[in-house]
N, C-alpha and C. Protein backbone atom coordinates (compact mmCIF):
# COMPACT_ATOMS: atom_id res chain seq x y z
N MET A 1 98.86 59.60 54.78
CA MET A 1 99.55 58.63 53.97
C MET A 1 100.78 58.15 54.73
N GLY A 2 100.96 56.83 54.84
CA GLY A 2 102.08 56.24 55.58
C GLY A 2 103.33 56.18 54.73
N GLN A 3 104.35 55.61 55.32
CA GLN A 3 105.60 55.43 54.62
C GLN A 3 105.45 54.31 53.60
N PRO A 4 106.19 54.40 52.49
CA PRO A 4 106.12 53.33 51.50
C PRO A 4 106.72 52.06 52.07
N PRO A 5 106.31 50.89 51.55
CA PRO A 5 106.87 49.64 52.06
C PRO A 5 108.36 49.55 51.81
N ARG A 6 109.06 48.87 52.73
CA ARG A 6 110.49 48.65 52.58
C ARG A 6 110.69 47.37 51.78
N PHE A 7 111.70 47.34 50.98
CA PHE A 7 112.06 46.12 50.28
C PHE A 7 113.45 45.73 50.71
N GLY A 8 113.69 44.46 50.76
CA GLY A 8 115.00 43.98 51.20
C GLY A 8 114.90 43.41 52.59
N ARG A 9 115.84 42.61 52.94
CA ARG A 9 115.83 41.89 54.20
C ARG A 9 116.44 42.72 55.31
N PRO A 10 115.79 42.81 56.47
CA PRO A 10 116.42 43.47 57.61
C PRO A 10 117.55 42.58 58.14
N PRO A 11 118.44 43.14 58.94
CA PRO A 11 119.52 42.32 59.50
C PRO A 11 118.97 41.13 60.27
N LYS A 12 119.70 40.01 60.24
CA LYS A 12 119.24 38.78 60.88
C LYS A 12 118.91 38.97 62.36
N ALA A 13 119.64 39.79 63.07
CA ALA A 13 119.40 39.97 64.50
C ALA A 13 117.97 40.43 64.77
N LYS A 14 117.40 41.22 63.89
CA LYS A 14 116.05 41.71 64.09
C LYS A 14 115.00 40.65 63.78
N ARG A 15 115.36 39.60 63.06
CA ARG A 15 114.41 38.58 62.66
C ARG A 15 114.53 37.32 63.53
N SER A 16 115.43 37.32 64.50
CA SER A 16 115.74 36.09 65.23
C SER A 16 114.56 35.54 66.03
N ASP A 17 113.61 36.38 66.44
CA ASP A 17 112.50 35.87 67.24
C ASP A 17 111.44 35.20 66.39
N ILE A 18 111.48 35.36 65.10
CA ILE A 18 110.52 34.74 64.20
C ILE A 18 111.18 33.54 63.54
N LYS A 19 110.58 32.37 63.69
CA LYS A 19 111.18 31.14 63.21
C LYS A 19 110.59 30.68 61.88
N LEU A 20 110.13 31.59 61.06
CA LEU A 20 109.56 31.22 59.77
C LEU A 20 110.61 31.28 58.67
N ARG A 21 110.54 30.31 57.78
CA ARG A 21 111.40 30.34 56.60
C ARG A 21 110.89 31.42 55.65
N PRO A 22 111.77 32.07 54.90
CA PRO A 22 111.32 33.13 53.98
C PRO A 22 110.22 32.67 53.01
N MET A 23 110.29 31.42 52.56
CA MET A 23 109.32 30.93 51.58
C MET A 23 108.09 30.26 52.23
N GLU A 24 107.98 30.36 53.55
CA GLU A 24 106.77 29.86 54.24
C GLU A 24 105.58 30.68 53.75
N ARG A 25 104.52 30.00 53.38
CA ARG A 25 103.32 30.72 52.97
C ARG A 25 102.53 31.09 54.22
N VAL A 26 101.95 32.28 54.19
CA VAL A 26 101.16 32.77 55.31
C VAL A 26 99.85 33.36 54.79
N LEU A 27 98.86 33.37 55.66
CA LEU A 27 97.61 34.08 55.40
C LEU A 27 97.72 35.36 56.22
N GLY A 28 97.77 36.49 55.55
CA GLY A 28 97.97 37.77 56.23
C GLY A 28 96.72 38.64 56.20
N LEU A 29 96.52 39.40 57.27
CA LEU A 29 95.40 40.32 57.32
C LEU A 29 95.69 41.47 58.27
N SER A 30 94.81 42.46 58.20
CA SER A 30 94.93 43.64 59.06
C SER A 30 93.57 43.93 59.66
N VAL A 31 93.55 44.16 60.97
CA VAL A 31 92.32 44.53 61.67
C VAL A 31 92.61 45.83 62.43
N ASP A 32 91.97 46.90 62.00
CA ASP A 32 92.14 48.21 62.63
C ASP A 32 93.62 48.58 62.78
N GLY A 33 94.40 48.31 61.74
CA GLY A 33 95.81 48.69 61.73
C GLY A 33 96.76 47.66 62.32
N VAL A 34 96.25 46.61 62.95
CA VAL A 34 97.10 45.55 63.50
C VAL A 34 97.23 44.45 62.46
N LYS A 35 98.45 44.15 62.05
CA LYS A 35 98.72 43.13 61.04
C LYS A 35 99.01 41.79 61.72
N LYS A 36 98.56 40.71 61.08
CA LYS A 36 98.80 39.39 61.64
C LYS A 36 98.99 38.39 60.51
N ALA A 37 99.92 37.46 60.72
CA ALA A 37 100.22 36.42 59.73
C ALA A 37 99.97 35.05 60.35
N TYR A 38 99.32 34.18 59.58
CA TYR A 38 99.04 32.81 60.00
C TYR A 38 99.82 31.88 59.09
N PRO A 39 100.90 31.27 59.58
CA PRO A 39 101.70 30.36 58.75
C PRO A 39 100.88 29.15 58.32
N PHE A 40 101.01 28.78 57.04
CA PHE A 40 100.30 27.60 56.54
C PHE A 40 100.72 26.35 57.31
N SER A 41 101.99 26.27 57.73
CA SER A 41 102.45 25.08 58.47
C SER A 41 101.67 24.91 59.78
N VAL A 42 101.24 26.01 60.38
CA VAL A 42 100.43 25.97 61.60
C VAL A 42 98.97 25.71 61.25
N LEU A 43 98.48 26.38 60.19
CA LEU A 43 97.08 26.21 59.81
C LEU A 43 96.76 24.77 59.45
N LYS A 44 97.72 24.06 58.89
CA LYS A 44 97.51 22.66 58.50
C LYS A 44 97.26 21.77 59.72
N LYS A 45 97.71 22.20 60.91
CA LYS A 45 97.55 21.42 62.14
C LYS A 45 96.29 21.80 62.92
N LYS A 46 95.69 22.90 62.55
CA LYS A 46 94.52 23.41 63.27
C LYS A 46 93.23 22.86 62.65
N PRO A 47 92.10 22.99 63.37
CA PRO A 47 90.82 22.67 62.73
C PRO A 47 90.63 23.58 61.51
N GLU A 48 89.81 23.16 60.57
CA GLU A 48 89.62 23.96 59.35
C GLU A 48 88.93 25.29 59.64
N ARG A 49 88.37 25.44 60.81
CA ARG A 49 87.74 26.70 61.22
C ARG A 49 88.05 26.88 62.70
N PHE A 50 88.65 28.03 63.05
CA PHE A 50 88.93 28.31 64.46
C PHE A 50 88.91 29.81 64.69
N GLU A 51 88.77 30.19 65.95
CA GLU A 51 88.67 31.60 66.32
C GLU A 51 90.00 32.11 66.84
N ASP A 52 90.19 33.41 66.64
CA ASP A 52 91.36 34.10 67.18
C ASP A 52 90.92 35.53 67.48
N ARG A 53 91.80 36.28 68.11
CA ARG A 53 91.53 37.70 68.38
C ARG A 53 92.66 38.53 67.80
N ILE A 54 92.27 39.59 67.14
CA ILE A 54 93.24 40.55 66.62
C ILE A 54 92.79 41.92 67.10
N ASN A 55 93.67 42.60 67.80
CA ASN A 55 93.36 43.93 68.32
C ASN A 55 92.05 43.91 69.12
N GLY A 56 91.81 42.82 69.87
CA GLY A 56 90.63 42.71 70.70
C GLY A 56 89.37 42.27 69.98
N LYS A 57 89.44 42.06 68.67
CA LYS A 57 88.26 41.66 67.90
C LYS A 57 88.34 40.20 67.52
N LYS A 58 87.20 39.50 67.65
CA LYS A 58 87.17 38.09 67.30
C LYS A 58 87.14 37.94 65.78
N VAL A 59 87.99 37.04 65.28
CA VAL A 59 88.00 36.69 63.86
C VAL A 59 87.92 35.17 63.76
N ILE A 60 87.38 34.70 62.65
CA ILE A 60 87.31 33.27 62.40
C ILE A 60 88.19 32.97 61.18
N ILE A 61 89.16 32.09 61.38
CA ILE A 61 90.07 31.69 60.32
C ILE A 61 89.50 30.43 59.69
N HIS A 62 89.37 30.43 58.37
CA HIS A 62 88.88 29.28 57.61
C HIS A 62 90.05 28.83 56.72
N PHE A 63 90.41 27.55 56.81
CA PHE A 63 91.53 27.06 56.01
C PHE A 63 91.19 25.69 55.46
N ASP A 64 91.21 25.57 54.14
CA ASP A 64 90.97 24.29 53.48
C ASP A 64 92.31 23.60 53.30
N LYS A 65 92.52 22.52 54.03
CA LYS A 65 93.82 21.83 54.01
C LYS A 65 94.11 21.18 52.67
N LYS A 66 93.08 20.70 52.01
CA LYS A 66 93.28 20.01 50.73
C LYS A 66 93.75 20.99 49.65
N SER A 67 93.08 22.12 49.53
CA SER A 67 93.45 23.09 48.49
C SER A 67 94.46 24.13 48.98
N GLU A 68 94.75 24.10 50.30
CA GLU A 68 95.64 25.08 50.92
C GLU A 68 95.25 26.51 50.58
N THR A 69 93.98 26.80 50.84
CA THR A 69 93.45 28.15 50.67
C THR A 69 92.74 28.55 51.96
N GLY A 70 92.68 29.85 52.20
CA GLY A 70 92.04 30.31 53.42
C GLY A 70 91.39 31.66 53.25
N TYR A 71 90.54 31.97 54.20
CA TYR A 71 89.93 33.29 54.26
C TYR A 71 89.55 33.56 55.71
N VAL A 72 89.17 34.80 55.99
CA VAL A 72 88.88 35.22 57.36
C VAL A 72 87.54 35.95 57.38
N THR A 73 86.75 35.67 58.43
CA THR A 73 85.49 36.37 58.61
C THR A 73 85.44 36.95 60.02
N ASP A 74 84.52 37.90 60.22
CA ASP A 74 84.27 38.38 61.57
C ASP A 74 83.20 37.49 62.20
N GLU A 75 82.80 37.78 63.41
CA GLU A 75 81.86 36.88 64.09
C GLU A 75 80.47 36.89 63.46
N ARG A 76 80.16 37.87 62.62
CA ARG A 76 78.87 37.89 61.91
C ARG A 76 78.94 37.16 60.57
N GLY A 77 80.15 36.71 60.19
CA GLY A 77 80.31 36.01 58.92
C GLY A 77 80.73 36.90 57.77
N SER A 78 80.96 38.19 58.03
CA SER A 78 81.40 39.10 56.97
C SER A 78 82.89 38.87 56.68
N LEU A 79 83.23 38.87 55.41
CA LEU A 79 84.63 38.67 55.03
C LEU A 79 85.52 39.80 55.51
N ILE A 80 86.70 39.44 55.99
CA ILE A 80 87.74 40.41 56.31
C ILE A 80 88.82 40.21 55.25
N PRO A 81 89.20 41.27 54.55
CA PRO A 81 90.21 41.10 53.49
C PRO A 81 91.48 40.44 54.03
N SER A 82 91.96 39.44 53.30
CA SER A 82 93.19 38.73 53.66
C SER A 82 93.89 38.33 52.37
N ILE A 83 95.14 37.91 52.51
CA ILE A 83 95.93 37.53 51.35
C ILE A 83 96.87 36.39 51.73
N ALA A 84 97.05 35.46 50.80
CA ALA A 84 98.01 34.37 51.00
C ALA A 84 99.25 34.71 50.18
N LEU A 85 100.40 34.71 50.85
CA LEU A 85 101.67 35.02 50.18
C LEU A 85 102.82 34.48 51.00
N PHE A 86 104.02 34.67 50.51
CA PHE A 86 105.21 34.18 51.21
C PHE A 86 105.56 35.10 52.38
N TRP A 87 106.11 34.50 53.44
CA TRP A 87 106.48 35.25 54.64
C TRP A 87 107.42 36.41 54.32
N PHE A 88 108.43 36.18 53.46
CA PHE A 88 109.39 37.26 53.18
C PHE A 88 108.68 38.48 52.61
N ALA A 89 107.67 38.28 51.78
CA ALA A 89 106.95 39.41 51.18
C ALA A 89 106.08 40.10 52.23
N TRP A 90 105.33 39.32 53.01
CA TRP A 90 104.47 39.91 54.04
C TRP A 90 105.31 40.70 55.04
N SER A 91 106.40 40.09 55.51
CA SER A 91 107.20 40.75 56.56
C SER A 91 107.94 41.97 56.02
N ASP A 92 108.25 42.01 54.72
CA ASP A 92 108.86 43.21 54.16
C ASP A 92 107.86 44.37 54.16
N PHE A 93 106.60 44.08 53.83
CA PHE A 93 105.58 45.13 53.84
C PHE A 93 105.16 45.50 55.25
N TYR A 94 105.09 44.51 56.14
CA TYR A 94 104.58 44.73 57.50
C TYR A 94 105.56 44.17 58.52
N PRO A 95 106.67 44.86 58.77
CA PRO A 95 107.70 44.33 59.68
C PRO A 95 107.23 44.20 61.12
N GLU A 96 106.21 44.91 61.54
CA GLU A 96 105.74 44.84 62.92
C GLU A 96 104.53 43.91 63.05
N THR A 97 104.45 42.94 62.18
CA THR A 97 103.31 42.03 62.19
C THR A 97 103.34 41.08 63.38
N GLU A 98 102.17 40.63 63.79
CA GLU A 98 102.06 39.56 64.77
C GLU A 98 102.04 38.26 63.99
N VAL A 99 102.59 37.20 64.58
CA VAL A 99 102.60 35.89 63.94
C VAL A 99 101.84 34.92 64.83
N TYR A 100 100.85 34.28 64.26
CA TYR A 100 100.06 33.31 65.04
C TYR A 100 100.92 32.10 65.32
N ASP A 101 100.90 31.67 66.57
CA ASP A 101 101.68 30.52 67.00
C ASP A 101 100.76 29.66 67.84
N GLU A 102 100.51 28.43 67.40
CA GLU A 102 99.56 27.57 68.11
C GLU A 102 99.97 27.27 69.54
N GLU A 103 101.28 27.35 69.84
CA GLU A 103 101.72 27.07 71.20
C GLU A 103 101.66 28.29 72.10
N GLN A 104 101.57 29.46 71.52
CA GLN A 104 101.50 30.69 72.31
C GLN A 104 100.35 31.54 71.82
N PRO A 105 99.16 31.38 72.39
CA PRO A 105 98.03 32.19 71.95
C PRO A 105 98.31 33.67 72.06
N GLN A 106 99.14 34.09 73.04
CA GLN A 106 99.53 35.48 73.11
C GLN A 106 100.57 35.70 72.01
N GLN A 107 100.28 36.53 71.08
CA GLN A 107 101.07 36.64 69.86
C GLN A 107 102.44 37.27 70.09
N ARG A 108 103.37 36.87 69.25
CA ARG A 108 104.70 37.48 69.28
C ARG A 108 104.81 38.43 68.10
N ARG A 109 105.60 39.42 68.22
CA ARG A 109 105.77 40.43 67.16
C ARG A 109 106.93 40.07 66.26
N GLY A 110 106.78 40.43 65.00
CA GLY A 110 107.88 40.25 64.04
C GLY A 110 108.89 41.34 64.23
N HIS A 111 110.05 41.17 63.67
CA HIS A 111 111.20 42.10 63.68
C HIS A 111 111.31 42.76 65.03
């Protein structure tokens, strides 16, 4: 059993590398213990279906721009559990999350 989630904002210095607003909506998921967040602001600019890698595994991100909903599948089409929520909530639960950035395919870490 891991540590319980932290609540509250970490000091600004630890968040300076992440340029997301607290109320930015993200699609968050975990693959073999690696957490990753996909900001809606980035997903809106991407094709409605695109591939990414998390912890060396290929995932397919599906995002409906009109309804602003998304889900994730593996390469066989099986659903990978994901959740849409605000960045501040995701990052409080998972401070070491990776954040998808369309300009940097190599992911950057949160906090």
